[in-house]
């Protein structure tokens, strides 16, 4: 009888320790899974944004031979203006707030 009681005294703490370690491991893995799922969502959003940018660039390439595209590039990148056109630049644009 003494042998079985001393065996139980050893087995129960081992079982309790094993369950504690298992619980801790499951908790830490669930936190890691949640973090990885958040990373997946962020990567999917980045992929969507990049896909949209690619389609916009492909559209620009398809329309690159049009006169409106050439005019847009000349205005945006080279700051060119049409003859007799006056450009006004508001220096206080950033500090002005609308009512």
Protein backbone atom coordinates (compact mmCIF):
# COMPACT_ATOMS: atom_id res chain seq x y z
CA UNK A 1 0.00 0.00 0.00
CA UNK A 2 2.82 2.36 0.83
CA UNK A 3 4.33 1.91 -2.60
CA UNK A 4 1.18 2.96 -4.45
CA UNK A 5 0.73 6.07 -2.27
CA UNK A 6 4.32 7.19 -2.86
CA UNK A 7 3.83 6.60 -6.61
CA UNK A 8 0.72 8.79 -6.57
CA UNK A 9 2.59 11.51 -4.71
CA UNK A 10 5.03 11.65 -7.62
CA UNK A 11 2.56 11.17 -10.49
CA UNK A 12 0.04 13.91 -9.52
CA UNK A 13 2.60 16.73 -9.38
CA UNK A 14 4.08 15.54 -12.68
CA UNK A 15 0.63 15.55 -14.29
CA UNK A 16 -0.13 19.00 -12.86
CA UNK A 17 3.23 20.31 -14.10
CA UNK A 18 2.65 18.80 -17.54
CA UNK A 19 -0.81 20.37 -17.77
CA UNK A 20 0.60 23.72 -16.69
CA UNK A 21 3.33 23.60 -19.33
CA UNK A 22 0.83 22.50 -21.98
CA UNK A 23 -1.51 25.35 -21.07
CA UNK A 24 1.33 27.89 -21.25
CA UNK A 25 2.47 26.54 -24.61
CA UNK A 26 -1.06 26.67 -26.05
CA UNK A 27 -1.51 30.25 -24.80
CA UNK A 28 1.79 31.42 -26.31
CA UNK A 29 0.99 29.70 -29.60
CA UNK A 30 -2.44 31.30 -29.75
CA UNK A 31 -0.83 34.75 -29.32
CA UNK A 32 1.66 33.92 -32.07
CA UNK A 33 -1.15 32.76 -34.38
CA UNK A 34 -3.04 36.01 -33.79
CA UNK A 35 0.10 38.01 -34.63
CA UNK A 36 0.66 35.99 -37.80
CA UNK A 37 -2.97 36.47 -38.86
CA UNK A 38 -2.53 40.24 -38.42
CA UNK A 39 0.62 40.08 -40.55
CA UNK A 40 -1.30 38.19 -43.23
CA UNK A 41 -4.01 40.86 -43.26
CA UNK A 42 -1.39 43.60 -43.61
CA UNK A 43 0.36 41.74 -46.43
CA UNK A 44 -2.96 41.21 -48.23
CA UNK A 45 -3.70 44.95 -47.97
CA UNK A 46 -0.24 45.75 -49.31
CA UNK A 47 -0.80 43.30 -52.16
CA UNK A 48 -4.14 44.94 -52.99
CA UNK A 49 -2.58 48.42 -52.95
CA UNK A 50 0.29 47.31 -55.17
CA UNK A 51 -2.07 45.56 -57.58
CA UNK A 52 -4.08 48.75 -57.90
CA UNK A 53 -0.91 50.79 -58.49
CA UNK A 54 0.21 48.32 -61.14
CA UNK A 55 -3.12 48.55 -62.96
CA UNK A 56 -2.94 52.36 -62.85
CA UNK A 57 0.59 52.27 -64.29
CA UNK A 58 -0.48 49.83 -66.99
CA UNK A 59 -3.32 52.20 -67.86
CA UNK A 60 -0.86 55.09 -68.08
CA UNK A 61 1.41 53.02 -70.33
CA UNK A 62 -1.51 52.18 -72.58
CA UNK A 63 -2.40 55.87 -72.85
CA UNK A 64 1.18 57.12 -73.07
CA UNK A 65 0.90 57.96 -76.74
CA UNK A 66 -2.03 60.33 -76.22
CA UNK A 67 -1.59 64.08 -76.25
CA UNK A 68 -3.27 64.50 -72.85
CA UNK A 69 -0.70 62.21 -71.24
CA UNK A 70 2.18 64.16 -72.76
CA UNK A 71 0.61 67.40 -71.52
CA UNK A 72 0.17 65.95 -68.02
CA UNK A 73 3.84 64.92 -67.86
CA UNK A 74 4.98 68.29 -69.18
CA UNK A 75 2.91 70.12 -66.55
CA UNK A 76 3.65 67.87 -63.58
CA UNK A 77 7.28 66.97 -64.05
CA UNK A 78 8.67 69.82 -66.11
CA UNK A 79 6.43 72.64 -64.80
CA UNK A 80 5.59 73.74 -68.33
CA UNK A 81 2.64 76.03 -69.05
CA UNK A 82 0.57 76.85 -72.11
CA UNK A 83 1.21 80.13 -73.93
CA UNK A 84 -0.38 83.13 -72.20
CA UNK A 85 -1.16 80.98 -69.15
CA UNK A 86 -0.39 82.41 -65.71
CA UNK A 87 0.24 80.15 -62.72
CA UNK A 88 -0.59 81.49 -59.25
CA UNK A 89 1.11 79.86 -56.28
CA UNK A 90 -0.39 80.43 -52.84
CA UNK A 91 2.47 80.53 -50.33
CA UNK A 92 0.05 80.39 -47.38
CA UNK A 93 -1.80 77.35 -48.69
CA UNK A 94 -0.57 75.09 -45.88
CA UNK A 95 -1.36 77.56 -43.10
CA UNK A 96 -4.84 78.53 -44.30
CA UNK A 97 -7.76 76.65 -42.74
CA UNK A 98 -11.24 76.70 -44.18
CA UNK A 99 -14.10 77.99 -42.01
